[in-house]
Amino acid sequence: MTKTSLESHNYKAITASDGIEAIALYAEHRDEISLVLTDMVMPSMDGITTIRTLRKINPDVKIIAVSGLTSQDKVNTAYDMGIKAFLSKPYTASQLLQTISTVKNS
């Protein structure tokens, strides 16, 4: 749903099935990526580790974290690591687009 919503609003979306694939795709396409949307709960590598690794590759990467299951401690940790916003699932396309607009312009 997220990819469809983004593409219907003229965003190009690259998707990954887990944090490891996300890191590889970011490393390969970082010049084309203006923002990363990552789930906090993923197989193979969790959101915190994914965020930490992305920030090592590019300390200025803009990241929005997403989850329906994350504790406040993990949300706070993600903010401490430099995420720009957090979206709680379920979210609407409108909430997603507004958050992206805010983060891209920050």
PDB file of N, CA and C in Angstrom:
ATOM      1  N   MET A   1       0.821  -1.187   0.000  1.00  0.00           N
ATOM      2  CA  MET A   1       0.000   0.000   0.000  1.00  0.00           C
ATOM      3  C   MET A   1       0.873   1.262   0.000  1.00  0.00           C
ATOM      4  N   THR A   2       1.937   1.249   0.790  1.00  0.00           N
ATOM      5  CA  THR A   2       2.802   2.424   0.887  1.00  0.00           C
ATOM      6  C   THR A   2       3.444   2.740  -0.464  1.00  0.00           C
ATOM      7  N   LYS A   3       3.987   1.723  -1.113  1.00  0.00           N
ATOM      8  CA  LYS A   3       4.631   1.942  -2.416  1.00  0.00           C
ATOM      9  C   LYS A   3       3.622   2.483  -3.427  1.00  0.00           C
ATOM     10  N   THR A   4       2.435   1.903  -3.465  1.00  0.00           N
ATOM     11  CA  THR A   4       1.393   2.359  -4.387  1.00  0.00           C
ATOM     12  C   THR A   4       1.012   3.809  -4.108  1.00  0.00           C
ATOM     13  N   SER A   5       0.845   4.141  -2.837  1.00  0.00           N
ATOM     14  CA  SER A   5       0.508   5.524  -2.464  1.00  0.00           C
ATOM     15  C   SER A   5       1.593   6.497  -2.915  1.00  0.00           C
ATOM     16  N   LEU A   6       2.840   6.120  -2.690  1.00  0.00           N
ATOM     17  CA  LEU A   6       3.949   6.995  -3.078  1.00  0.00           C
ATOM     18  C   LEU A   6       4.012   7.160  -4.593  1.00  0.00           C
ATOM     19  N   GLU A   7       3.916   6.057  -5.316  1.00  0.00           N
ATOM     20  CA  GLU A   7       4.020   6.128  -6.778  1.00  0.00           C
ATOM     21  C   GLU A   7       2.848   6.882  -7.392  1.00  0.00           C
ATOM     22  N   SER A   8       1.680   6.812  -6.768  1.00  0.00           N
ATOM     23  CA  SER A   8       0.532   7.550  -7.300  1.00  0.00           C
ATOM     24  C   SER A   8       0.673   9.060  -7.063  1.00  0.00           C
ATOM     25  N   HIS A   9       1.634   9.441  -6.232  1.00  0.00           N
ATOM     26  CA  HIS A   9       1.925  10.863  -5.990  1.00  0.00           C
ATOM     27  C   HIS A   9       3.295  11.245  -6.552  1.00  0.00           C
ATOM     28  N   ASN A  10       3.712  10.535  -7.588  1.00  0.00           N
ATOM     29  CA  ASN A  10       4.923  10.841  -8.357  1.00  0.00           C
ATOM     30  C   ASN A  10       6.237  10.660  -7.611  1.00  0.00           C
ATOM     31  N   TYR A  11       6.243   9.811  -6.590  1.00  0.00           N
ATOM     32  CA  TYR A  11       7.494   9.432  -5.943  1.00  0.00           C
ATOM     33  C   TYR A  11       7.969   8.129  -6.562  1.00  0.00           C
ATOM     34  N   LYS A  12       9.268   7.947  -6.660  1.00  0.00           N
ATOM     35  CA  LYS A  12       9.828   6.660  -7.059  1.00  0.00           C
ATOM     36  C   LYS A  12      10.149   5.924  -5.769  1.00  0.00           C
ATOM     37  N   ALA A  13       9.682   4.694  -5.643  1.00  0.00           N
ATOM     38  CA  ALA A  13       9.889   3.920  -4.425  1.00  0.00           C
ATOM     39  C   ALA A  13      10.716   2.678  -4.721  1.00  0.00           C
ATOM     40  N   ILE A  14      11.743   2.475  -3.923  1.00  0.00           N
ATOM     41  CA  ILE A  14      12.560   1.264  -3.990  1.00  0.00           C
ATOM     42  C   ILE A  14      12.239   0.493  -2.714  1.00  0.00           C
ATOM     43  N   THR A  15      11.841  -0.767  -2.846  1.00  0.00           N
ATOM     44  CA  THR A  15      11.460  -1.525  -1.662  1.00  0.00           C
ATOM     45  C   THR A  15      12.479  -2.627  -1.350  1.00  0.00           C
ATOM     46  N   ALA A  16      12.563  -2.934  -0.065  1.00  0.00           N
ATOM     47  CA  ALA A  16      13.445  -4.005   0.409  1.00  0.00           C
ATOM     48  C   ALA A  16      12.625  -4.922   1.310  1.00  0.00           C
ATOM     49  N   SER A  17      12.984  -6.191   1.341  1.00  0.00           N
ATOM     50  CA  SER A  17      12.232  -7.144   2.161  1.00  0.00           C
ATOM     51  C   SER A  17      12.717  -7.192   3.609  1.00  0.00           C
ATOM     52  N   ASP A  18      13.915  -6.662   3.867  1.00  0.00           N
ATOM     53  CA  ASP A  18      14.436  -6.631   5.234  1.00  0.00           C
ATOM     54  C   ASP A  18      15.536  -5.566   5.332  1.00  0.00           C
ATOM     55  N   GLY A  19      16.058  -5.396   6.526  1.00  0.00           N
ATOM     56  CA  GLY A  19      17.073  -4.371   6.753  1.00  0.00           C
ATOM     57  C   GLY A  19      18.357  -4.597   5.973  1.00  0.00           C
ATOM     58  N   ILE A  20      18.753  -5.844   5.820  1.00  0.00           N
ATOM     59  CA  ILE A  20      19.993  -6.148   5.095  1.00  0.00           C
ATOM     60  C   ILE A  20      19.862  -5.731   3.635  1.00  0.00           C
ATOM     61  N   GLU A  21      18.726  -6.072   3.022  1.00  0.00           N
ATOM     62  CA  GLU A  21      18.491  -5.669   1.634  1.00  0.00           C
ATOM     63  C   GLU A  21      18.390  -4.146   1.530  1.00  0.00           C
ATOM     64  N   ALA A  22      17.780  -3.513   2.522  1.00  0.00           N
ATOM     65  CA  ALA A  22      17.650  -2.055   2.521  1.00  0.00           C
ATOM     66  C   ALA A  22      19.021  -1.378   2.533  1.00  0.00           C
ATOM     67  N   ILE A  23      19.933  -1.879   3.341  1.00  0.00           N
ATOM     68  CA  ILE A  23      21.292  -1.321   3.411  1.00  0.00           C
ATOM     69  C   ILE A  23      21.978  -1.469   2.055  1.00  0.00           C
ATOM     70  N   ALA A  24      21.858  -2.647   1.457  1.00  0.00           N
ATOM     71  CA  ALA A  24      22.492  -2.890   0.151  1.00  0.00           C
ATOM     72  C   ALA A  24      21.912  -1.965  -0.920  1.00  0.00           C
ATOM     73  N   LEU A  25      20.596  -1.814  -0.930  1.00  0.00           N
ATOM     74  CA  LEU A  25      19.958  -0.941  -1.916  1.00  0.00           C
ATOM     75  C   LEU A  25      20.337   0.522  -1.688  1.00  0.00           C
ATOM     76  N   TYR A  26      20.405   0.922  -0.415  1.00  0.00           N
ATOM     77  CA  TYR A  26      20.792   2.306  -0.125  1.00  0.00           C
ATOM     78  C   TYR A  26      22.230   2.563  -0.585  1.00  0.00           C
ATOM     79  N   ALA A  27      23.111   1.635  -0.293  1.00  0.00           N
ATOM     80  CA  ALA A  27      24.514   1.795  -0.702  1.00  0.00           C
ATOM     81  C   ALA A  27      24.627   1.913  -2.223  1.00  0.00           C
ATOM     82  N   GLU A  28      23.811   1.161  -2.934  1.00  0.00           N
ATOM     83  CA  GLU A  28      23.850   1.167  -4.400  1.00  0.00           C
ATOM     84  C   GLU A  28      23.189   2.405  -5.010  1.00  0.00           C
ATOM     85  N   HIS A  29      22.135   2.909  -4.376  1.00  0.00           N
ATOM     86  CA  HIS A  29      21.331   3.989  -4.969  1.00  0.00           C
ATOM     87  C   HIS A  29      21.315   5.271  -4.138  1.00  0.00           C
ATOM     88  N   ARG A  30      22.264   5.451  -3.243  1.00  0.00           N
ATOM     89  CA  ARG A  30      22.175   6.568  -2.290  1.00  0.00           C
ATOM     90  C   ARG A  30      22.053   7.933  -2.938  1.00  0.00           C
ATOM     91  N   ASP A  31      22.625   8.116  -4.126  1.00  0.00           N
ATOM     92  CA  ASP A  31      22.530   9.412  -4.794  1.00  0.00           C
ATOM     93  C   ASP A  31      21.128   9.683  -5.328  1.00  0.00           C
ATOM     94  N   GLU A  32      20.327   8.636  -5.473  1.00  0.00           N
ATOM     95  CA  GLU A  32      18.958   8.773  -5.980  1.00  0.00           C
ATOM     96  C   GLU A  32      17.928   8.815  -4.855  1.00  0.00           C
ATOM     97  N   ILE A  33      18.342   8.514  -3.635  1.00  0.00           N
ATOM     98  CA  ILE A  33      17.406   8.387  -2.512  1.00  0.00           C
ATOM     99  C   ILE A  33      17.437   9.653  -1.665  1.00  0.00           C
ATOM    100  N   SER A  34      16.264  10.289  -1.542  1.00  0.00           N
ATOM    101  CA  SER A  34      16.202  11.510  -0.739  1.00  0.00           C
ATOM    102  C   SER A  34      15.654  11.241   0.658  1.00  0.00           C
ATOM    103  N   LEU A  35      15.054  10.057   0.867  1.00  0.00           N
ATOM    104  CA  LEU A  35      14.452   9.759   2.151  1.00  0.00           C
ATOM    105  C   LEU A  35      14.291   8.253   2.295  1.00  0.00           C
ATOM    106  N   VAL A  36      14.472   7.745   3.515  1.00  0.00           N
ATOM    107  CA  VAL A  36      14.293   6.320   3.795  1.00  0.00           C
ATOM    108  C   VAL A  36      13.127   6.158   4.766  1.00  0.00           C
ATOM    109  N   LEU A  37      12.241   5.238   4.438  1.00  0.00           N
ATOM    110  CA  LEU A  37      11.123   4.858   5.293  1.00  0.00           C
ATOM    111  C   LEU A  37      11.417   3.439   5.762  1.00  0.00           C
ATOM    112  N   THR A  38      11.610   3.239   7.066  1.00  0.00           N
ATOM    113  CA  THR A  38      11.968   1.903   7.556  1.00  0.00           C
ATOM    114  C   THR A  38      11.052   1.448   8.674  1.00  0.00           C
ATOM    115  N   ASP A  39      10.693   0.190   8.615  1.00  0.00           N
ATOM    116  CA  ASP A  39       9.922  -0.408   9.698  1.00  0.00           C
ATOM    117  C   ASP A  39      10.886  -0.693  10.850  1.00  0.00           C
ATOM    118  N   MET A  40      10.382  -0.637  12.056  1.00  0.00           N
ATOM    119  CA  MET A  40      11.229  -0.909  13.217  1.00  0.00           C
ATOM    120  C   MET A  40      11.333  -2.408  13.493  1.00  0.00           C
ATOM    121  N   VAL A  41      10.370  -3.195  12.994  1.00  0.00           N
ATOM    122  CA  VAL A  41      10.376  -4.633  13.210  1.00  0.00           C
ATOM    123  C   VAL A  41      10.453  -5.315  11.846  1.00  0.00           C
ATOM    124  N   MET A  42      11.615  -5.909  11.564  1.00  0.00           N
ATOM    125  CA  MET A  42      11.838  -6.580  10.281  1.00  0.00           C
ATOM    126  C   MET A  42      12.620  -7.857  10.525  1.00  0.00           C
ATOM    127  N   PRO A  43      12.518  -8.806   9.584  1.00  0.00           N
ATOM    128  CA  PRO A  43      13.351 -10.008   9.704  1.00  0.00           C
ATOM    129  C   PRO A  43      14.823  -9.670   9.435  1.00  0.00           C
ATOM    130  N   SER A  44      15.703 -10.474   9.937  1.00  0.00           N
ATOM    131  CA  SER A  44      17.160 -10.404   9.698  1.00  0.00           C
ATOM    132  C   SER A  44      17.852  -9.242  10.392  1.00  0.00           C
ATOM    133  N   MET A  45      17.317  -8.036  10.294  1.00  0.00           N
ATOM    134  CA  MET A  45      17.936  -6.868  10.916  1.00  0.00           C
ATOM    135  C   MET A  45      16.823  -5.919  11.345  1.00  0.00           C
ATOM    136  N   ASP A  46      16.802  -5.547  12.616  1.00  0.00           N
ATOM    137  CA  ASP A  46      15.720  -4.673  13.085  1.00  0.00           C
ATOM    138  C   ASP A  46      15.932  -3.222  12.649  1.00  0.00           C
ATOM    139  N   GLY A  47      14.925  -2.408  12.906  1.00  0.00           N
ATOM    140  CA  GLY A  47      14.970  -1.009  12.483  1.00  0.00           C
ATOM    141  C   GLY A  47      16.098  -0.214  13.114  1.00  0.00           C
ATOM    142  N   ILE A  48      16.353  -0.436  14.401  1.00  0.00           N
ATOM    143  CA  ILE A  48      17.419   0.301  15.086  1.00  0.00           C
ATOM    144  C   ILE A  48      18.767   0.023  14.421  1.00  0.00           C
ATOM    145  N   THR A  49      19.054  -1.241  14.147  1.00  0.00           N
ATOM    146  CA  THR A  49      20.319  -1.597  13.507  1.00  0.00           C
ATOM    147  C   THR A  49      20.375  -1.044  12.082  1.00  0.00           C
ATOM    148  N   THR A  50      19.256  -1.097  11.377  1.00  0.00           N
ATOM    149  CA  THR A  50      19.192  -0.554  10.018  1.00  0.00           C
ATOM    150  C   THR A  50      19.465   0.950  10.035  1.00  0.00           C
ATOM    151  N   ILE A  51      18.827   1.668  10.950  1.00  0.00           N
ATOM    152  CA  ILE A  51      19.025   3.119  11.059  1.00  0.00           C
ATOM    153  C   ILE A  51      20.488   3.426  11.385  1.00  0.00           C
ATOM    154  N   ARG A  52      21.030   2.716  12.348  1.00  0.00           N
ATOM    155  CA  ARG A  52      22.432   2.926  12.753  1.00  0.00           C
ATOM    156  C   ARG A  52      23.368   2.729  11.552  1.00  0.00           C
ATOM    157  N   THR A  53      23.133   1.675  10.769  1.00  0.00           N
ATOM    158  CA  THR A  53      23.985   1.370   9.619  1.00  0.00           C
ATOM    159  C   THR A  53      23.820   2.415   8.521  1.00  0.00           C
ATOM    160  N   LEU A  54      22.588   2.825   8.246  1.00  0.00           N
ATOM    161  CA  LEU A  54      22.351   3.877   7.241  1.00  0.00           C
ATOM    162  C   LEU A  54      23.071   5.168   7.634  1.00  0.00           C
ATOM    163  N   ARG A  55      23.034   5.507   8.923  1.00  0.00           N
ATOM    164  CA  ARG A  55      23.675   6.748   9.393  1.00  0.00           C
ATOM    165  C   ARG A  55      25.195   6.657   9.298  1.00  0.00           C
ATOM    166  N   LYS A  56      25.751   5.447   9.364  1.00  0.00           N
ATOM    167  CA  LYS A  56      27.197   5.281   9.161  1.00  0.00           C
ATOM    168  C   LYS A  56      27.554   5.518   7.696  1.00  0.00           C
ATOM    169  N   ILE A  57      26.687   5.068   6.796  1.00  0.00           N
ATOM    170  CA  ILE A  57      26.910   5.283   5.365  1.00  0.00           C
ATOM    171  C   ILE A  57      26.756   6.761   5.024  1.00  0.00           C
ATOM    172  N   ASN A  58      25.702   7.384   5.570  1.00  0.00           N
ATOM    173  CA  ASN A  58      25.422   8.792   5.293  1.00  0.00           C
ATOM    174  C   ASN A  58      24.813   9.431   6.537  1.00  0.00           C
ATOM    175  N   PRO A  59      25.604  10.169   7.305  1.00  0.00           N
ATOM    176  CA  PRO A  59      25.094  10.783   8.540  1.00  0.00           C
ATOM    177  C   PRO A  59      23.927  11.747   8.310  1.00  0.00           C
ATOM    178  N   ASP A  60      23.756  12.228   7.085  1.00  0.00           N
ATOM    179  CA  ASP A  60      22.698  13.191   6.791  1.00  0.00           C
ATOM    180  C   ASP A  60      21.441  12.556   6.198  1.00  0.00           C
ATOM    181  N   VAL A  61      21.391  11.226   6.109  1.00  0.00           N
ATOM    182  CA  VAL A  61      20.232  10.563   5.521  1.00  0.00           C
ATOM    183  C   VAL A  61      18.971  10.919   6.318  1.00  0.00           C
ATOM    184  N   LYS A  62      17.891  11.218   5.597  1.00  0.00           N
ATOM    185  CA  LYS A  62      16.610  11.527   6.237  1.00  0.00           C
ATOM    186  C   LYS A  62      15.821  10.232   6.351  1.00  0.00           C
ATOM    187  N   ILE A  63      15.424   9.914   7.590  1.00  0.00           N
ATOM    188  CA  ILE A  63      14.767   8.635   7.864  1.00  0.00           C
ATOM    189  C   ILE A  63      13.451   8.860   8.597  1.00  0.00           C
ATOM    190  N   ILE A  64      12.416   8.159   8.126  1.00  0.00           N
ATOM    191  CA  ILE A  64      11.143   8.083   8.831  1.00  0.00           C
ATOM    192  C   ILE A  64      11.012   6.636   9.303  1.00  0.00           C
ATOM    193  N   ALA A  65      10.814   6.442  10.602  1.00  0.00           N
ATOM    194  CA  ALA A  65      10.616   5.110  11.163  1.00  0.00           C
ATOM    195  C   ALA A  65       9.119   4.834  11.258  1.00  0.00           C
ATOM    196  N   VAL A  66       8.757   3.572  11.055  1.00  0.00           N
ATOM    197  CA  VAL A  66       7.353   3.154  11.048  1.00  0.00           C
ATOM    198  C   VAL A  66       7.212   1.899  11.889  1.00  0.00           C
ATOM    199  N   SER A  67       6.128   1.811  12.667  1.00  0.00           N
ATOM    200  CA  SER A  67       5.850   0.561  13.366  1.00  0.00           C
ATOM    201  C   SER A  67       4.476   0.590  13.994  1.00  0.00           C
ATOM    202  N   GLY A  68       3.954  -0.593  14.196  1.00  0.00           N
ATOM    203  CA  GLY A  68       2.731  -0.749  14.956  1.00  0.00           C
ATOM    204  C   GLY A  68       2.997  -1.426  16.287  1.00  0.00           C
ATOM    205  N   LEU A  69       4.224  -1.869  16.488  1.00  0.00           N
ATOM    206  CA  LEU A  69       4.542  -2.688  17.660  1.00  0.00           C
ATOM    207  C   LEU A  69       5.673  -2.142  18.517  1.00  0.00           C
ATOM    208  N   THR A  70       6.186  -0.996  18.201  1.00  0.00           N
ATOM    209  CA  THR A  70       7.398  -0.514  18.859  1.00  0.00           C
ATOM    210  C   THR A  70       7.118   0.127  20.212  1.00  0.00           C
ATOM    211  N   SER A  71       7.981  -0.166  21.160  1.00  0.00           N
ATOM    212  CA  SER A  71       7.884   0.446  22.486  1.00  0.00           C
ATOM    213  C   SER A  71       8.382   1.887  22.417  1.00  0.00           C
ATOM    214  N   GLN A  72       7.976   2.686  23.390  1.00  0.00           N
ATOM    215  CA  GLN A  72       8.420   4.078  23.439  1.00  0.00           C
ATOM    216  C   GLN A  72       9.936   4.163  23.566  1.00  0.00           C
ATOM    217  N   ASP A  73      10.550   3.200  24.248  1.00  0.00           N
ATOM    218  CA  ASP A  73      12.010   3.192  24.369  1.00  0.00           C
ATOM    219  C   ASP A  73      12.674   3.096  22.998  1.00  0.00           C
ATOM    220  N   LYS A  74      12.142   2.222  22.129  1.00  0.00           N
ATOM    221  CA  LYS A  74      12.720   2.082  20.788  1.00  0.00           C
ATOM    222  C   LYS A  74      12.482   3.338  19.965  1.00  0.00           C
ATOM    223  N   VAL A  75      11.320   3.953  20.119  1.00  0.00           N
ATOM    224  CA  VAL A  75      11.038   5.199  19.400  1.00  0.00           C
ATOM    225  C   VAL A  75      12.026   6.270  19.851  1.00  0.00           C
ATOM    226  N   ASN A  76      12.228   6.389  21.153  1.00  0.00           N
ATOM    227  CA  ASN A  76      13.174   7.381  21.683  1.00  0.00           C
ATOM    228  C   ASN A  76      14.586   7.095  21.199  1.00  0.00           C
ATOM    229  N   THR A  77      14.980   5.831  21.183  1.00  0.00           N
ATOM    230  CA  THR A  77      16.305   5.453  20.680  1.00  0.00           C
ATOM    231  C   THR A  77      16.456   5.862  19.226  1.00  0.00           C
ATOM    232  N   ALA A  78      15.419   5.617  18.423  1.00  0.00           N
ATOM    233  CA  ALA A  78      15.463   5.981  17.007  1.00  0.00           C
ATOM    234  C   ALA A  78      15.608   7.489  16.844  1.00  0.00           C
ATOM    235  N   TYR A  79      14.881   8.263  17.625  1.00  0.00           N
ATOM    236  CA  TYR A  79      15.024   9.730  17.565  1.00  0.00           C
ATOM    237  C   TYR A  79      16.434  10.152  17.979  1.00  0.00           C
ATOM    238  N   ASP A  80      16.962   9.506  19.012  1.00  0.00           N
ATOM    239  CA  ASP A  80      18.328   9.822  19.455  1.00  0.00           C
ATOM    240  C   ASP A  80      19.348   9.525  18.356  1.00  0.00           C
ATOM    241  N   MET A  81      19.022   8.563  17.485  1.00  0.00           N
ATOM    242  CA  MET A  81      19.918   8.189  16.393  1.00  0.00           C
ATOM    243  C   MET A  81      19.714   9.076  15.159  1.00  0.00           C
ATOM    244  N   GLY A  82      18.763   9.973  15.226  1.00  0.00           N
ATOM    245  CA  GLY A  82      18.631  10.933  14.144  1.00  0.00           C
ATOM    246  C   GLY A  82      17.477  10.752  13.181  1.00  0.00           C
ATOM    247  N   ILE A  83      16.488   9.887  13.507  1.00  0.00           N
ATOM    248  CA  ILE A  83      15.343   9.830  12.599  1.00  0.00           C
ATOM    249  C   ILE A  83      14.647  11.178  12.636  1.00  0.00           C
ATOM    250  N   LYS A  84      13.951  11.497  11.560  1.00  0.00           N
ATOM    251  CA  LYS A  84      13.280  12.793  11.450  1.00  0.00           C
ATOM    252  C   LYS A  84      11.816  12.730  11.859  1.00  0.00           C
ATOM    253  N   ALA A  85      11.216  11.533  11.797  1.00  0.00           N
ATOM    254  CA  ALA A  85       9.797  11.390  12.144  1.00  0.00           C
ATOM    255  C   ALA A  85       9.495   9.931  12.425  1.00  0.00           C
ATOM    256  N   PHE A  86       8.365   9.708  13.099  1.00  0.00           N
ATOM    257  CA  PHE A  86       7.893   8.359  13.381  1.00  0.00           C
ATOM    258  C   PHE A  86       6.417   8.282  13.013  1.00  0.00           C
ATOM    259  N   LEU A  87       6.054   7.249  12.256  1.00  0.00           N
ATOM    260  CA  LEU A  87       4.660   6.996  11.893  1.00  0.00           C
ATOM    261  C   LEU A  87       4.195   5.717  12.563  1.00  0.00           C
ATOM    262  N   SER A  88       3.071   5.780  13.266  1.00  0.00           N
ATOM    263  CA  SER A  88       2.492   4.588  13.867  1.00  0.00           C
ATOM    264  C   SER A  88       1.539   3.934  12.886  1.00  0.00           C
ATOM    265  N   LYS A  89       1.645   2.606  12.766  1.00  0.00           N
ATOM    266  CA  LYS A  89       0.702   1.858  11.930  1.00  0.00           C
ATOM    267  C   LYS A  89      -0.589   1.657  12.714  1.00  0.00           C
ATOM    268  N   PRO A  90      -1.712   1.649  12.065  1.00  0.00           N
ATOM    269  CA  PRO A  90      -1.879   1.948  10.640  1.00  0.00           C
ATOM    270  C   PRO A  90      -1.864   3.453  10.415  1.00  0.00           C
ATOM    271  N   TYR A  91      -1.328   3.869   9.295  1.00  0.00           N
ATOM    272  CA  TYR A  91      -1.336   5.280   8.924  1.00  0.00           C
ATOM    273  C   TYR A  91      -2.026   5.416   7.574  1.00  0.00           C
ATOM    274  N   THR A  92      -2.527   6.606   7.309  1.00  0.00           N
ATOM    275  CA  THR A  92      -3.209   6.852   6.040  1.00  0.00           C
ATOM    276  C   THR A  92      -2.214   7.361   5.009  1.00  0.00           C
ATOM    277  N   ALA A  93      -2.600   7.309   3.760  1.00  0.00           N
ATOM    278  CA  ALA A  93      -1.755   7.865   2.699  1.00  0.00           C
ATOM    279  C   ALA A  93      -1.521   9.339   2.952  1.00  0.00           C
ATOM    280  N   SER A  94      -2.533  10.026   3.422  1.00  0.00           N
ATOM    281  CA  SER A  94      -2.410  11.456   3.716  1.00  0.00           C
ATOM    282  C   SER A  94      -1.373  11.709   4.813  1.00  0.00           C
ATOM    283  N   GLN A  95      -1.400  10.914   5.880  1.00  0.00           N
ATOM    284  CA  GLN A  95      -0.415  11.064   6.958  1.00  0.00           C
ATOM    285  C   GLN A  95       0.994  10.793   6.434  1.00  0.00           C
ATOM    286  N   LEU A  96       1.125   9.757   5.616  1.00  0.00           N
ATOM    287  CA  LEU A  96       2.419   9.415   5.036  1.00  0.00           C
ATOM    288  C   LEU A  96       2.955  10.564   4.190  1.00  0.00           C
ATOM    289  N   LEU A  97       2.137  11.070   3.302  1.00  0.00           N
ATOM    290  CA  LEU A  97       2.572  12.142   2.396  1.00  0.00           C
ATOM    291  C   LEU A  97       2.902  13.422   3.156  1.00  0.00           C
ATOM    292  N   GLN A  98       2.124  13.745   4.172  1.00  0.00           N
ATOM    293  CA  GLN A  98       2.398  14.934   4.989  1.00  0.00           C
ATOM    294  C   GLN A  98       3.711  14.782   5.737  1.00  0.00           C
ATOM    295  N   THR A  99       3.963  13.611   6.292  1.00  0.00           N
ATOM    296  CA  THR A  99       5.220  13.372   7.016  1.00  0.00           C
ATOM    297  C   THR A  99       6.404  13.452   6.079  1.00  0.00           C
ATOM    298  N   ILE A 100       6.281  12.870   4.897  1.00  0.00           N
ATOM    299  CA  ILE A 100       7.370  12.938   3.905  1.00  0.00           C
ATOM    300  C   ILE A 100       7.647  14.383   3.518  1.00  0.00           C
ATOM    301  N   SER A 101       6.587  15.136   3.272  1.00  0.00           N
ATOM    302  CA  SER A 101       6.764  16.552   2.891  1.00  0.00           C
ATOM    303  C   SER A 101       7.483  17.321   3.997  1.00  0.00           C
ATOM    304  N   THR A 102       7.090  17.099   5.227  1.00  0.00           N
ATOM    305  CA  THR A 102       7.712  17.791   6.367  1.00  0.00           C
ATOM    306  C   THR A 102       9.186  17.421   6.484  1.00  0.00           C
ATOM    307  N   VAL A 103       9.496  16.130   6.380  1.00  0.00           N
ATOM    308  CA  VAL A 103      10.867  15.659   6.541  1.00  0.00           C
ATOM    309  C   VAL A 103      11.752  16.116   5.375  1.00  0.00           C
ATOM    310  N   LYS A 104      11.244  16.040   4.170  1.00  0.00           N
ATOM    311  CA  LYS A 104      12.047  16.447   3.001  1.00  0.00           C
ATOM    312  C   LYS A 104      12.402  17.933   3.067  1.00  0.00           C
ATOM    313  N   ASN A 105      11.532  18.730   3.665  1.00  0.00           N
ATOM    314  CA  ASN A 105      11.768  20.170   3.735  1.00  0.00           C
ATOM    315  C   ASN A 105      12.476  20.597   5.018  1.00  0.00           C
ATOM    316  N   SER A 106      12.878  19.624   5.825  1.00  0.00           N
ATOM    317  CA  SER A 106      13.565  19.982   7.083  1.00  0.00           C
ATOM    318  C   SER A 106      15.062  20.050   6.892  1.00  0.00           C
TER     319      SER A 106
END
